[in-house]
Amino acid sequence: AADGTIGLETAFGTLNQLFGLEEAISLLTKGRERFGIPSPK
């Protein structure tokens, strides 16, 4: 078999359950600056 799983649809529901809402949203919204992408406001 090949390596890999789909995961876009399940990312939020998993992180929300694992870390709680505020921490999950913080994790889901960070990272753009590292790749030279402007962060939305």
All heavy atoms as atom14 arrays in JSON, in Angstrom:
{
  "sequence": "AADGTIGLETAFGTLNQLFGLEEAISLLTKGRERFGIPSPK",
  "atom14_mask": [
    [1, 1, 1, 1, 1, 0, 0, 0, 0, 0, 0, 0, 0, 0],
    [1, 1, 1, 1, 1, 0, 0, 0, 0, 0, 0, 0, 0, 0],
    [1, 1, 1, 1, 1, 1, 1, 1, 0, 0, 0, 0, 0, 0],
    [1, 1, 1, 1, 0, 0, 0, 0, 0, 0, 0, 0, 0, 0],
    [1, 1, 1, 1, 1, 1, 1, 0, 0, 0, 0, 0, 0, 0],
    [1, 1, 1, 1, 1, 1, 1, 1, 0, 0, 0, 0, 0, 0],
    [1, 1, 1, 1, 0, 0, 0, 0, 0, 0, 0, 0, 0, 0],
    [1, 1, 1, 1, 1, 1, 1, 1, 0, 0, 0, 0, 0, 0],
    [1, 1, 1, 1, 1, 1, 1, 1, 1, 0, 0, 0, 0, 0],
    [1, 1, 1, 1, 1, 1, 1, 0, 0, 0, 0, 0, 0, 0],
    [1, 1, 1, 1, 1, 0, 0, 0, 0, 0, 0, 0, 0, 0],
    [1, 1, 1, 1, 1, 1, 1, 1, 1, 1, 1, 0, 0, 0],
    [1, 1, 1, 1, 0, 0, 0, 0, 0, 0, 0, 0, 0, 0],
    [1, 1, 1, 1, 1, 1, 1, 0, 0, 0, 0, 0, 0, 0],
    [1, 1, 1, 1, 1, 1, 1, 1, 0, 0, 0, 0, 0, 0],
    [1, 1, 1, 1, 1, 1, 1, 1, 0, 0, 0, 0, 0, 0],
    [1, 1, 1, 1, 1, 1, 1, 1, 1, 0, 0, 0, 0, 0],
    [1, 1, 1, 1, 1, 1, 1, 1, 0, 0, 0, 0, 0, 0],
    [1, 1, 1, 1, 1, 1, 1, 1, 1, 1, 1, 0, 0, 0],
    [1, 1, 1, 1, 0, 0, 0, 0, 0, 0, 0, 0, 0, 0],
    [1, 1, 1, 1, 1, 1, 1, 1, 0, 0, 0, 0, 0, 0],
    [1, 1, 1, 1, 1, 1, 1, 1, 1, 0, 0, 0, 0, 0],
    [1, 1, 1, 1, 1, 1, 1, 1, 1, 0, 0, 0, 0, 0],
    [1, 1, 1, 1, 1, 0, 0, 0, 0, 0, 0, 0, 0, 0],
    [1, 1, 1, 1, 1, 1, 1, 1, 0, 0, 0, 0, 0, 0],
    [1, 1, 1, 1, 1, 1, 0, 0, 0, 0, 0, 0, 0, 0],
    [1, 1, 1, 1, 1, 1, 1, 1, 0, 0, 0, 0, 0, 0],
    [1, 1, 1, 1, 1, 1, 1, 1, 0, 0, 0, 0, 0, 0],
    [1, 1, 1, 1, 1, 1, 1, 0, 0, 0, 0, 0, 0, 0],
    [1, 1, 1, 1, 1, 1, 1, 1, 1, 0, 0, 0, 0, 0],
    [1, 1, 1, 1, 0, 0, 0, 0, 0, 0, 0, 0, 0, 0],
    [1, 1, 1, 1, 1, 1, 1, 1, 1, 1, 1, 0, 0, 0],
    [1, 1, 1, 1, 1, 1, 1, 1, 1, 0, 0, 0, 0, 0],
    [1, 1, 1, 1, 1, 1, 1, 1, 1, 1, 1, 0, 0, 0],
    [1, 1, 1, 1, 1, 1, 1, 1, 1, 1, 1, 0, 0, 0],
    [1, 1, 1, 1, 0, 0, 0, 0, 0, 0, 0, 0, 0, 0],
    [1, 1, 1, 1, 1, 1, 1, 1, 0, 0, 0, 0, 0, 0],
    [1, 1, 1, 1, 1, 1, 1, 0, 0, 0, 0, 0, 0, 0],
    [1, 1, 1, 1, 1, 1, 0, 0, 0, 0, 0, 0, 0, 0],
    [1, 1, 1, 1, 1, 1, 1, 0, 0, 0, 0, 0, 0, 0],
    [1, 1, 1, 1, 1, 1, 1, 1, 1, 0, 0, 0, 0, 0]
  ],
  "atom14_positions": [
    [[0.83, -1.21, 0.0], [0.0, 0.0, 0.0], [0.87, 1.26, 0.0], [2.03, 1.25, 0.43], [-0.93, 0.0, 1.2], [0.0, 0.0, 0.0], [0.0, 0.0, 0.0], [0.0, 0.0, 0.0], [0.0, 0.0, 0.0], [0.0, 0.0, 0.0], [0.0, 0.0, 0.0], [0.0, 0.0, 0.0], [0.0, 0.0, 0.0], [0.0, 0.0, 0.0]],
    [[0.29, 2.34, -0.48], [0.97, 3.64, -0.46], [0.71, 4.32, 0.89], [-0.3, 4.06, 1.56], [0.47, 4.52, -1.6], [0.0, 0.0, 0.0], [0.0, 0.0, 0.0], [0.0, 0.0, 0.0], [0.0, 0.0, 0.0], [0.0, 0.0, 0.0], [0.0, 0.0, 0.0], [0.0, 0.0, 0.0], [0.0, 0.0, 0.0], [0.0, 0.0, 0.0]],
    [[1.63, 5.19, 1.29], [1.48, 5.94, 2.54], [0.57, 7.14, 2.32], [0.7, 7.85, 1.33], [2.85, 6.46, 3.01], [3.8, 5.34, 3.41], [3.32, 4.38, 4.05], [4.99, 5.43, 3.07], [0.0, 0.0, 0.0], [0.0, 0.0, 0.0], [0.0, 0.0, 0.0], [0.0, 0.0, 0.0], [0.0, 0.0, 0.0], [0.0, 0.0, 0.0]],
    [[-0.33, 7.38, 3.28], [-1.11, 8.62, 3.23], [-2.54, 8.46, 3.67], [-3.16, 7.4, 3.53], [0.0, 0.0, 0.0], [0.0, 0.0, 0.0], [0.0, 0.0, 0.0], [0.0, 0.0, 0.0], [0.0, 0.0, 0.0], [0.0, 0.0, 0.0], [0.0, 0.0, 0.0], [0.0, 0.0, 0.0], [0.0, 0.0, 0.0], [0.0, 0.0, 0.0]],
    [[-3.09, 9.55, 4.22], [-4.5, 9.61, 4.62], [-5.03, 11.01, 4.29], [-4.28, 11.99, 4.33], [-4.67, 9.34, 6.12], [-6.06, 9.44, 6.49], [-3.89, 10.35, 6.97], [0.0, 0.0, 0.0], [0.0, 0.0, 0.0], [0.0, 0.0, 0.0], [0.0, 0.0, 0.0], [0.0, 0.0, 0.0], [0.0, 0.0, 0.0], [0.0, 0.0, 0.0]],
    [[-6.32, 11.09, 3.95], [-6.92, 12.41, 3.82], [-7.19, 12.96, 5.22], [-7.32, 12.19, 6.17], [-8.22, 12.39, 2.98], [-9.26, 11.42, 3.58], [-7.9, 12.01, 1.53], [-10.6, 11.46, 2.88], [0.0, 0.0, 0.0], [0.0, 0.0, 0.0], [0.0, 0.0, 0.0], [0.0, 0.0, 0.0], [0.0, 0.0, 0.0], [0.0, 0.0, 0.0]],
    [[-7.27, 14.31, 5.35], [-7.41, 14.84, 6.69], [-7.98, 16.23, 6.8], [-8.17, 16.74, 7.91], [0.0, 0.0, 0.0], [0.0, 0.0, 0.0], [0.0, 0.0, 0.0], [0.0, 0.0, 0.0], [0.0, 0.0, 0.0], [0.0, 0.0, 0.0], [0.0, 0.0, 0.0], [0.0, 0.0, 0.0], [0.0, 0.0, 0.0], [0.0, 0.0, 0.0]],
    [[-8.27, 16.89, 5.68], [-8.79, 18.26, 5.76], [-10.1, 18.34, 6.54], [-10.27, 19.2, 7.4], [-8.99, 18.82, 4.35], [-7.75, 19.32, 3.61], [-8.07, 19.58, 2.14], [-7.18, 20.58, 4.26], [0.0, 0.0, 0.0], [0.0, 0.0, 0.0], [0.0, 0.0, 0.0], [0.0, 0.0, 0.0], [0.0, 0.0, 0.0], [0.0, 0.0, 0.0]],
    [[-11.02, 17.43, 6.24], [-12.35, 17.5, 6.83], [-12.36, 17.21, 8.34], [-13.26, 17.65, 9.05], [-13.28, 16.51, 6.14], [-13.56, 16.84, 4.68], [-14.2, 15.68, 3.95], [-13.68, 14.56, 4.02], [-15.23, 15.9, 3.29], [0.0, 0.0, 0.0], [0.0, 0.0, 0.0], [0.0, 0.0, 0.0], [0.0, 0.0, 0.0], [0.0, 0.0, 0.0]],
    [[-11.38, 16.47, 8.8], [-11.38, 16.02, 10.2], [-10.43, 16.83, 11.08], [-10.38, 16.6, 12.3], [-10.98, 14.54, 10.27], [-9.76, 14.34, 9.51], [-12.07, 13.66, 9.67], [0.0, 0.0, 0.0], [0.0, 0.0, 0.0], [0.0, 0.0, 0.0], [0.0, 0.0, 0.0], [0.0, 0.0, 0.0], [0.0, 0.0, 0.0], [0.0, 0.0, 0.0]],
    [[-9.7, 17.78, 10.52], [-8.68, 18.5, 11.29], [-9.3, 19.31, 12.44], [-8.89, 19.2, 13.59], [-7.88, 19.42, 10.37], [0.0, 0.0, 0.0], [0.0, 0.0, 0.0], [0.0, 0.0, 0.0], [0.0, 0.0, 0.0], [0.0, 0.0, 0.0], [0.0, 0.0, 0.0], [0.0, 0.0, 0.0], [0.0, 0.0, 0.0], [0.0, 0.0, 0.0]],
    [[-10.31, 20.14, 12.12], [-10.9, 20.99, 13.15], [-11.56, 20.18, 14.25], [-11.33, 20.4, 15.45], [-11.91, 21.95, 12.53], [-12.77, 22.68, 13.53], [-12.18, 23.46, 14.52], [-14.15, 22.57, 13.51], [-12.97, 24.12, 15.47], [-14.93, 23.23, 14.44], [-14.34, 24.0, 15.42], [0.0, 0.0, 0.0], [0.0, 0.0, 0.0], [0.0, 0.0, 0.0]],
    [[-12.4, 19.21, 13.88], [-13.12, 18.42, 14.87], [-12.19, 17.65, 15.79], [-12.5, 17.46, 16.97], [0.0, 0.0, 0.0], [0.0, 0.0, 0.0], [0.0, 0.0, 0.0], [0.0, 0.0, 0.0], [0.0, 0.0, 0.0], [0.0, 0.0, 0.0], [0.0, 0.0, 0.0], [0.0, 0.0, 0.0], [0.0, 0.0, 0.0], [0.0, 0.0, 0.0]],
    [[-11.04, 17.23, 15.27], [-10.07, 16.51, 16.09], [-9.34, 17.45, 17.03], [-9.19, 17.18, 18.23], [-9.05, 15.78, 15.18], [-9.75, 14.93, 14.27], [-8.09, 14.95, 16.02], [0.0, 0.0, 0.0], [0.0, 0.0, 0.0], [0.0, 0.0, 0.0], [0.0, 0.0, 0.0], [0.0, 0.0, 0.0], [0.0, 0.0, 0.0], [0.0, 0.0, 0.0]],
    [[-8.87, 18.58, 16.51], [-8.12, 19.53, 17.33], [-9.01, 20.17, 18.4], [-8.57, 20.41, 19.53], [-7.5, 20.61, 16.45], [-6.39, 20.13, 15.5], [-6.0, 21.25, 14.54], [-5.18, 19.65, 16.28], [0.0, 0.0, 0.0], [0.0, 0.0, 0.0], [0.0, 0.0, 0.0], [0.0, 0.0, 0.0], [0.0, 0.0, 0.0], [0.0, 0.0, 0.0]],
    [[-10.26, 20.44, 18.05], [-11.21, 21.03, 19.0], [-11.44, 20.08, 20.17], [-11.52, 20.49, 21.33], [-12.52, 21.34, 18.28], [-13.51, 22.08, 19.14], [-13.14, 22.82, 20.05], [-14.8, 21.88, 18.86], [0.0, 0.0, 0.0], [0.0, 0.0, 0.0], [0.0, 0.0, 0.0], [0.0, 0.0, 0.0], [0.0, 0.0, 0.0], [0.0, 0.0, 0.0]],
    [[-11.51, 18.79, 19.86], [-11.71, 17.79, 20.9], [-10.45, 17.59, 21.75], [-10.53, 17.39, 22.96], [-12.11, 16.47, 20.25], [-12.52, 15.37, 21.21], [-13.43, 14.37, 20.53], [-14.65, 14.37, 20.75], [-12.86, 13.52, 19.7], [0.0, 0.0, 0.0], [0.0, 0.0, 0.0], [0.0, 0.0, 0.0], [0.0, 0.0, 0.0], [0.0, 0.0, 0.0]],
    [[-9.3, 17.7, 21.11], [-8.04, 17.43, 21.78], [-7.54, 18.59, 22.63], [-7.06, 18.4, 23.75], [-6.99, 17.05, 20.73], [-5.64, 16.52, 21.22], [-5.82, 15.21, 21.97], [-4.7, 16.31, 20.03], [0.0, 0.0, 0.0], [0.0, 0.0, 0.0], [0.0, 0.0, 0.0], [0.0, 0.0, 0.0], [0.0, 0.0, 0.0], [0.0, 0.0, 0.0]],
    [[-7.68, 19.81, 22.11], [-7.09, 20.98, 22.76], [-8.1, 21.98, 23.31], [-7.72, 22.89, 24.05], [-6.17, 21.72, 21.78], [-4.95, 20.95, 21.38], [-4.87, 20.35, 20.13], [-3.87, 20.83, 22.24], [-3.75, 19.63, 19.76], [-2.73, 20.13, 21.87], [-2.67, 19.52, 20.63], [0.0, 0.0, 0.0], [0.0, 0.0, 0.0], [0.0, 0.0, 0.0]],
    [[-9.36, 21.87, 22.92], [-10.33, 22.9, 23.27], [-10.37, 23.98, 22.2], [-9.45, 24.12, 21.39], [0.0, 0.0, 0.0], [0.0, 0.0, 0.0], [0.0, 0.0, 0.0], [0.0, 0.0, 0.0], [0.0, 0.0, 0.0], [0.0, 0.0, 0.0], [0.0, 0.0, 0.0], [0.0, 0.0, 0.0], [0.0, 0.0, 0.0], [0.0, 0.0, 0.0]],
    [[-11.44, 24.78, 22.21], [-11.72, 25.68, 21.1], [-10.63, 26.73, 20.88], [-10.11, 26.87, 19.77], [-13.07, 26.37, 21.32], [-13.46, 27.4, 20.24], [-13.55, 26.73, 18.88], [-14.76, 28.08, 20.61], [0.0, 0.0, 0.0], [0.0, 0.0, 0.0], [0.0, 0.0, 0.0], [0.0, 0.0, 0.0], [0.0, 0.0, 0.0], [0.0, 0.0, 0.0]],
    [[-10.3, 27.49, 21.89], [-9.38, 28.61, 21.68], [-8.01, 28.15, 21.21], [-7.43, 28.74, 20.3], [-9.26, 29.44, 22.96], [-10.53, 30.21, 23.32], [-10.33, 31.11, 24.52], [-9.45, 31.99, 24.45], [-11.03, 30.92, 25.53], [0.0, 0.0, 0.0], [0.0, 0.0, 0.0], [0.0, 0.0, 0.0], [0.0, 0.0, 0.0], [0.0, 0.0, 0.0]],
    [[-7.51, 27.08, 21.82], [-6.19, 26.59, 21.41], [-6.25, 26.0, 20.01], [-5.32, 26.16, 19.21], [-5.71, 25.54, 22.41], [-4.21, 25.28, 22.32], [-3.69, 24.49, 23.51], [-4.45, 24.24, 24.47], [-2.51, 24.12, 23.48], [0.0, 0.0, 0.0], [0.0, 0.0, 0.0], [0.0, 0.0, 0.0], [0.0, 0.0, 0.0], [0.0, 0.0, 0.0]],
    [[-7.34, 25.31, 19.68], [-7.49, 24.74, 18.34], [-7.48, 25.84, 17.28], [-6.81, 25.73, 16.25], [-8.79, 23.93, 18.24], [0.0, 0.0, 0.0], [0.0, 0.0, 0.0], [0.0, 0.0, 0.0], [0.0, 0.0, 0.0], [0.0, 0.0, 0.0], [0.0, 0.0, 0.0], [0.0, 0.0, 0.0], [0.0, 0.0, 0.0], [0.0, 0.0, 0.0]],
    [[-8.23, 26.93, 17.52], [-8.27, 28.02, 16.56], [-6.91, 28.69, 16.43], [-6.46, 29.06, 15.34], [-9.35, 29.05, 16.96], [-10.74, 28.4, 16.91], [-9.3, 30.27, 16.03], [-11.12, 27.8, 15.58], [0.0, 0.0, 0.0], [0.0, 0.0, 0.0], [0.0, 0.0, 0.0], [0.0, 0.0, 0.0], [0.0, 0.0, 0.0], [0.0, 0.0, 0.0]],
    [[-6.21, 28.83, 17.54], [-4.87, 29.41, 17.5], [-3.95, 28.57, 16.62], [-3.17, 29.11, 15.81], [-4.3, 29.51, 18.92], [-2.98, 30.03, 18.9], [0.0, 0.0, 0.0], [0.0, 0.0, 0.0], [0.0, 0.0, 0.0], [0.0, 0.0, 0.0], [0.0, 0.0, 0.0], [0.0, 0.0, 0.0], [0.0, 0.0, 0.0], [0.0, 0.0, 0.0]],
    [[-4.05, 27.25, 16.75], [-3.21, 26.36, 15.94], [-3.59, 26.42, 14.46], [-2.72, 26.36, 13.58], [-3.33, 24.93, 16.45], [-2.74, 24.64, 17.84], [-3.12, 23.25, 18.31], [-1.22, 24.8, 17.81], [0.0, 0.0, 0.0], [0.0, 0.0, 0.0], [0.0, 0.0, 0.0], [0.0, 0.0, 0.0], [0.0, 0.0, 0.0], [0.0, 0.0, 0.0]],
    [[-4.87, 26.54, 14.19], [-5.35, 26.52, 12.81], [-5.09, 27.83, 12.07], [-5.14, 27.85, 10.83], [-6.85, 26.21, 12.78], [-7.24, 24.76, 13.1], [-8.72, 24.66, 13.41], [-6.86, 23.83, 11.94], [0.0, 0.0, 0.0], [0.0, 0.0, 0.0], [0.0, 0.0, 0.0], [0.0, 0.0, 0.0], [0.0, 0.0, 0.0], [0.0, 0.0, 0.0]],
    [[-4.83, 28.89, 12.8], [-4.68, 30.2, 12.14], [-3.24, 30.69, 12.07], [-2.97, 31.72, 11.47], [-5.53, 31.27, 12.86], [-5.2, 31.3, 14.25], [-7.01, 30.96, 12.7], [0.0, 0.0, 0.0], [0.0, 0.0, 0.0], [0.0, 0.0, 0.0], [0.0, 0.0, 0.0], [0.0, 0.0, 0.0], [0.0, 0.0, 0.0], [0.0, 0.0, 0.0]],
    [[-2.3, 29.98, 12.67], [-0.92, 30.45, 12.7], [-0.1, 29.86, 11.55], [-0.49, 28.86, 10.96], [-0.27, 30.11, 14.04], [-0.06, 28.61, 14.24], [0.4, 28.28, 15.68], [1.74, 28.89, 16.0], [2.3, 28.31, 17.27], [0.0, 0.0, 0.0], [0.0, 0.0, 0.0], [0.0, 0.0, 0.0], [0.0, 0.0, 0.0], [0.0, 0.0, 0.0]],
    [[1.02, 30.5, 11.24], [1.99, 29.9, 10.33], [2.23, 30.62, 9.02], [3.21, 30.34, 8.33], [0.0, 0.0, 0.0], [0.0, 0.0, 0.0], [0.0, 0.0, 0.0], [0.0, 0.0, 0.0], [0.0, 0.0, 0.0], [0.0, 0.0, 0.0], [0.0, 0.0, 0.0], [0.0, 0.0, 0.0], [0.0, 0.0, 0.0], [0.0, 0.0, 0.0]],
    [[1.34, 31.53, 8.64], [1.49, 32.14, 7.33], [2.8, 32.92, 7.18], [3.44, 32.86, 6.12], [0.3, 33.07, 7.04], [-1.02, 32.35, 6.8], [-2.14, 33.37, 6.68], [-3.42, 32.8, 6.28], [-4.34, 32.33, 7.1], [-4.11, 32.33, 8.41], [-5.49, 31.85, 6.64], [0.0, 0.0, 0.0], [0.0, 0.0, 0.0], [0.0, 0.0, 0.0]],
    [[3.19, 33.65, 8.22], [4.38, 34.52, 8.11], [5.62, 33.73, 7.77], [6.5, 34.21, 7.06], [4.6, 35.28, 9.43], [3.46, 36.2, 9.81], [2.42, 35.53, 10.69], [2.39, 34.27, 10.72], [1.64, 36.25, 11.33], [0.0, 0.0, 0.0], [0.0, 0.0, 0.0], [0.0, 0.0, 0.0], [0.0, 0.0, 0.0], [0.0, 0.0, 0.0]],
    [[5.72, 32.5, 8.27], [6.9, 31.68, 7.99], [7.1, 31.46, 6.51], [8.23, 31.33, 6.02], [6.75, 30.33, 8.71], [7.93, 29.37, 8.55], [9.17, 29.95, 9.15], [10.26, 28.97, 9.24], [11.51, 29.27, 9.56], [11.83, 30.53, 9.81], [12.43, 28.35, 9.63], [0.0, 0.0, 0.0], [0.0, 0.0, 0.0], [0.0, 0.0, 0.0]],
    [[6.01, 31.44, 5.77], [6.05, 31.18, 4.34], [5.86, 32.46, 3.51], [5.58, 32.38, 2.31], [5.0, 30.13, 3.97], [5.23, 28.81, 4.67], [4.67, 28.55, 5.91], [6.03, 27.84, 4.09], [4.89, 27.36, 6.57], [6.26, 26.63, 4.73], [5.7, 26.39, 5.97], [0.0, 0.0, 0.0], [0.0, 0.0, 0.0], [0.0, 0.0, 0.0]],
    [[6.0, 33.6, 4.17], [5.9, 34.87, 3.45], [4.51, 35.24, 3.02], [4.33, 36.02, 2.08], [0.0, 0.0, 0.0], [0.0, 0.0, 0.0], [0.0, 0.0, 0.0], [0.0, 0.0, 0.0], [0.0, 0.0, 0.0], [0.0, 0.0, 0.0], [0.0, 0.0, 0.0], [0.0, 0.0, 0.0], [0.0, 0.0, 0.0], [0.0, 0.0, 0.0]],
    [[3.5, 34.7, 3.71], [2.1, 34.97, 3.37], [1.53, 35.93, 4.42], [1.66, 35.68, 5.62], [1.28, 33.66, 3.36], [1.88, 32.68, 2.35], [-0.18, 33.95, 3.05], [1.32, 31.27, 2.48], [0.0, 0.0, 0.0], [0.0, 0.0, 0.0], [0.0, 0.0, 0.0], [0.0, 0.0, 0.0], [0.0, 0.0, 0.0], [0.0, 0.0, 0.0]],
    [[0.9, 37.02, 4.01], [0.34, 37.96, 4.99], [-0.74, 37.3, 5.83], [-1.58, 36.55, 5.33], [-0.25, 39.08, 4.12], [0.42, 38.94, 2.79], [0.71, 37.49, 2.62], [0.0, 0.0, 0.0], [0.0, 0.0, 0.0], [0.0, 0.0, 0.0], [0.0, 0.0, 0.0], [0.0, 0.0, 0.0], [0.0, 0.0, 0.0], [0.0, 0.0, 0.0]],
    [[-0.75, 37.59, 7.12], [-1.78, 37.06, 8.01], [-3.02, 37.94, 7.95], [-2.92, 39.16, 8.02], [-1.27, 37.0, 9.44], [-0.3, 36.0, 9.57], [0.0, 0.0, 0.0], [0.0, 0.0, 0.0], [0.0, 0.0, 0.0], [0.0, 0.0, 0.0], [0.0, 0.0, 0.0], [0.0, 0.0, 0.0], [0.0, 0.0, 0.0], [0.0, 0.0, 0.0]],
    [[-4.2, 37.34, 7.81], [-5.42, 38.14, 7.76], [-5.73, 38.74, 9.12], [-5.29, 38.25, 10.16], [-6.49, 37.12, 7.36], [-5.94, 35.8, 7.81], [-4.46, 35.9, 7.68], [0.0, 0.0, 0.0], [0.0, 0.0, 0.0], [0.0, 0.0, 0.0], [0.0, 0.0, 0.0], [0.0, 0.0, 0.0], [0.0, 0.0, 0.0], [0.0, 0.0, 0.0]],
    [[-6.51, 39.83, 9.1], [-6.93, 40.49, 10.33], [-8.45, 40.59, 10.35], [-9.08, 40.75, 9.31], [-6.31, 41.87, 10.45], [-4.79, 41.88, 10.53], [-4.25, 43.3, 10.59], [-2.73, 43.31, 10.65], [-2.19, 44.7, 10.69], [0.0, 0.0, 0.0], [0.0, 0.0, 0.0], [0.0, 0.0, 0.0], [0.0, 0.0, 0.0], [0.0, 0.0, 0.0]]
  ]
}
